[in-house]
């Protein structure tokens, strides 16, 4: 249940009331008995639970174990190496049509 802040329009007394969201707003001041108004307060803010919300998470587990940042390095090591520039240039140079024996 939320806590609502109130302020008296006459005496300026401010207080908090722990109420259900479906309860009617309070109408009288506990100090002087005159009209009060409900204040709009900031609340507690957003609470992020779980991983993936912070820069330091890196998309992986936050407590122990391996992280996602370690997987790309392992994957890169297991992939075949790219052809060298020398092999590519020789493949590009041989663009003439081949004769086919029939």
C-alpha atoms as a PDB file:
ATOM      1  CA  UNK A   1       0.000   0.000   0.000  1.00  0.00           C
ATOM      2  CA  UNK A   2       1.328   3.443  -0.857  1.00  0.00           C
ATOM      3  CA  UNK A   3       2.006   6.281   1.531  1.00  0.00           C
ATOM      4  CA  UNK A   4       0.297   9.549   0.625  1.00  0.00           C
ATOM      5  CA  UNK A   5       1.421  12.962   1.759  1.00  0.00           C
ATOM      6  CA  UNK A   6      -1.107  15.566   2.899  1.00  0.00           C
ATOM      7  CA  UNK A   7      -0.906  19.253   3.788  1.00  0.00           C
ATOM      8  CA  UNK A   8      -3.453  21.373   5.624  1.00  0.00           C
ATOM      9  CA  UNK A   9      -4.700  24.379   3.666  1.00  0.00           C
ATOM     10  CA  UNK A  10      -5.181  26.429   6.849  1.00  0.00           C
ATOM     11  CA  UNK A  11      -2.414  25.666   9.350  1.00  0.00           C
ATOM     12  CA  UNK A  12       0.166  24.214   6.920  1.00  0.00           C
ATOM     13  CA  UNK A  13       0.581  20.983   8.932  1.00  0.00           C
ATOM     14  CA  UNK A  14       1.938  18.225   6.683  1.00  0.00           C
ATOM     15  CA  UNK A  15       1.623  14.504   7.399  1.00  0.00           C
ATOM     16  CA  UNK A  16       1.716  11.124   5.708  1.00  0.00           C
ATOM     17  CA  UNK A  17      -1.041   8.511   5.576  1.00  0.00           C
ATOM     18  CA  UNK A  18      -0.580   4.837   4.721  1.00  0.00           C
ATOM     19  CA  UNK A  19      -3.647   4.072   2.563  1.00  0.00           C
ATOM     20  CA  UNK A  20      -4.852   1.656  -0.056  1.00  0.00           C
ATOM     21  CA  UNK A  21      -5.074   2.983  -3.604  1.00  0.00           C
ATOM     22  CA  UNK A  22      -8.844   2.468  -3.531  1.00  0.00           C
ATOM     23  CA  UNK A  23      -9.357   4.449  -0.280  1.00  0.00           C
ATOM     24  CA  UNK A  24     -10.876   7.915  -0.479  1.00  0.00           C
ATOM     25  CA  UNK A  25      -8.400  10.771   0.123  1.00  0.00           C
ATOM     26  CA  UNK A  26      -8.408  12.242   3.632  1.00  0.00           C
ATOM     27  CA  UNK A  27     -10.372  15.474   3.973  1.00  0.00           C
ATOM     28  CA  UNK A  28      -9.573  16.854   7.437  1.00  0.00           C
ATOM     29  CA  UNK A  29      -6.379  17.882   9.204  1.00  0.00           C
ATOM     30  CA  UNK A  30      -5.597  15.926  12.411  1.00  0.00           C
ATOM     31  CA  UNK A  31      -4.275  19.165  14.033  1.00  0.00           C
ATOM     32  CA  UNK A  32      -6.980  21.743  13.292  1.00  0.00           C
ATOM     33  CA  UNK A  33      -9.768  19.743  11.615  1.00  0.00           C
ATOM     34  CA  UNK A  34      -9.879  21.911   8.479  1.00  0.00           C
ATOM     35  CA  UNK A  35      -9.488  20.861   4.817  1.00  0.00           C
ATOM     36  CA  UNK A  36      -6.333  19.179   3.556  1.00  0.00           C
ATOM     37  CA  UNK A  37      -4.959  18.539   0.101  1.00  0.00           C
ATOM     38  CA  UNK A  38      -3.128  15.442  -1.051  1.00  0.00           C
ATOM     39  CA  UNK A  39       0.410  16.115  -2.267  1.00  0.00           C
ATOM     40  CA  UNK A  40       2.069  14.556  -5.258  1.00  0.00           C
ATOM     41  CA  UNK A  41       5.383  13.059  -4.199  1.00  0.00           C
ATOM     42  CA  UNK A  42       8.102  11.356  -6.184  1.00  0.00           C
ATOM     43  CA  UNK A  43       7.652   7.864  -4.761  1.00  0.00           C
ATOM     44  CA  UNK A  44      10.527   5.430  -4.552  1.00  0.00           C
ATOM     45  CA  UNK A  45      11.555   5.347  -8.186  1.00  0.00           C
ATOM     46  CA  UNK A  46      12.193   2.367 -10.404  1.00  0.00           C
ATOM     47  CA  UNK A  47      13.917  -0.701  -8.999  1.00  0.00           C
ATOM     48  CA  UNK A  48      15.774  -2.819 -11.545  1.00  0.00           C
ATOM     49  CA  UNK A  49      16.087  -6.478 -10.575  1.00  0.00           C
ATOM     50  CA  UNK A  50      18.116  -9.019 -12.497  1.00  0.00           C
ATOM     51  CA  UNK A  51      20.964  -8.663 -14.922  1.00  0.00           C
ATOM     52  CA  UNK A  52      21.315  -6.522 -18.011  1.00  0.00           C
ATOM     53  CA  UNK A  53      20.486  -3.110 -16.591  1.00  0.00           C
ATOM     54  CA  UNK A  54      23.946  -1.827 -15.738  1.00  0.00           C
ATOM     55  CA  UNK A  55      27.017  -1.037 -17.833  1.00  0.00           C
ATOM     56  CA  UNK A  56      29.085  -3.518 -15.842  1.00  0.00           C
ATOM     57  CA  UNK A  57      26.740  -6.438 -16.621  1.00  0.00           C
ATOM     58  CA  UNK A  58      27.995  -6.914 -20.208  1.00  0.00           C
ATOM     59  CA  UNK A  59      24.964  -9.083 -20.933  1.00  0.00           C
ATOM     60  CA  UNK A  60      26.198 -11.987 -18.840  1.00  0.00           C
ATOM     61  CA  UNK A  61      25.828 -13.425 -15.387  1.00  0.00           C
ATOM     62  CA  UNK A  62      26.515 -11.039 -12.517  1.00  0.00           C
ATOM     63  CA  UNK A  63      27.629 -13.588  -9.926  1.00  0.00           C
ATOM     64  CA  UNK A  64      30.369 -16.056 -10.823  1.00  0.00           C
ATOM     65  CA  UNK A  65      30.560 -18.230 -13.888  1.00  0.00           C
ATOM     66  CA  UNK A  66      31.512 -17.133 -17.349  1.00  0.00           C
ATOM     67  CA  UNK A  67      30.226 -13.954 -18.919  1.00  0.00           C
ATOM     68  CA  UNK A  68      28.973 -13.267 -22.406  1.00  0.00           C
ATOM     69  CA  UNK A  69      32.044 -11.122 -23.122  1.00  0.00           C
ATOM     70  CA  UNK A  70      34.272 -14.216 -22.863  1.00  0.00           C
ATOM     71  CA  UNK A  71      32.293 -16.193 -25.463  1.00  0.00           C
ATOM     72  CA  UNK A  72      33.148 -14.084 -28.555  1.00  0.00           C
ATOM     73  CA  UNK A  73      36.895 -14.496 -27.874  1.00  0.00           C
ATOM     74  CA  UNK A  74      36.530 -18.289 -27.613  1.00  0.00           C
ATOM     75  CA  UNK A  75      34.407 -18.385 -30.760  1.00  0.00           C
ATOM     76  CA  UNK A  76      36.938 -16.306 -32.704  1.00  0.00           C
ATOM     77  CA  UNK A  77      39.718 -18.735 -31.757  1.00  0.00           C
ATOM     78  CA  UNK A  78      37.730 -21.740 -33.036  1.00  0.00           C
ATOM     79  CA  UNK A  79      36.843 -20.134 -36.400  1.00  0.00           C
ATOM     80  CA  UNK A  80      39.146 -20.722 -39.394  1.00  0.00           C
ATOM     81  CA  UNK A  81      41.551 -17.903 -40.152  1.00  0.00           C
ATOM     82  CA  UNK A  82      40.733 -15.534 -43.003  1.00  0.00           C
ATOM     83  CA  UNK A  83      42.737 -16.085 -46.206  1.00  0.00           C
ATOM     84  CA  UNK A  84      45.889 -14.026 -46.465  1.00  0.00           C
ATOM     85  CA  UNK A  85      46.126 -11.021 -48.778  1.00  0.00           C
ATOM     86  CA  UNK A  86      48.559 -12.939 -51.028  1.00  0.00           C
ATOM     87  CA  UNK A  87      46.084 -15.784 -51.571  1.00  0.00           C
ATOM     88  CA  UNK A  88      43.287 -13.325 -52.312  1.00  0.00           C
ATOM     89  CA  UNK A  89      45.341 -11.409 -54.884  1.00  0.00           C
ATOM     90  CA  UNK A  90      46.287 -14.615 -56.740  1.00  0.00           C
ATOM     91  CA  UNK A  91      42.639 -15.689 -56.822  1.00  0.00           C
ATOM     92  CA  UNK A  92      41.611 -12.309 -58.238  1.00  0.00           C
ATOM     93  CA  UNK A  93      44.344 -12.299 -60.895  1.00  0.00           C
ATOM     94  CA  UNK A  94      43.151 -15.556 -62.487  1.00  0.00           C
ATOM     95  CA  UNK A  95      39.897 -14.348 -64.042  1.00  0.00           C
ATOM     96  CA  UNK A  96      40.444 -15.627 -67.610  1.00  0.00           C
ATOM     97  CA  UNK A  97      37.905 -18.095 -68.993  1.00  0.00           C
ATOM     98  CA  UNK A  98      38.958 -21.722 -68.931  1.00  0.00           C
ATOM     99  CA  UNK A  99      38.876 -23.890 -72.029  1.00  0.00           C
ATOM    100  CA  UNK A 100      36.585 -26.861 -71.739  1.00  0.00           C
ATOM    101  CA  UNK A 101      37.497 -30.039 -73.640  1.00  0.00           C
ATOM    102  CA  UNK A 102      34.549 -31.670 -75.307  1.00  0.00           C
END
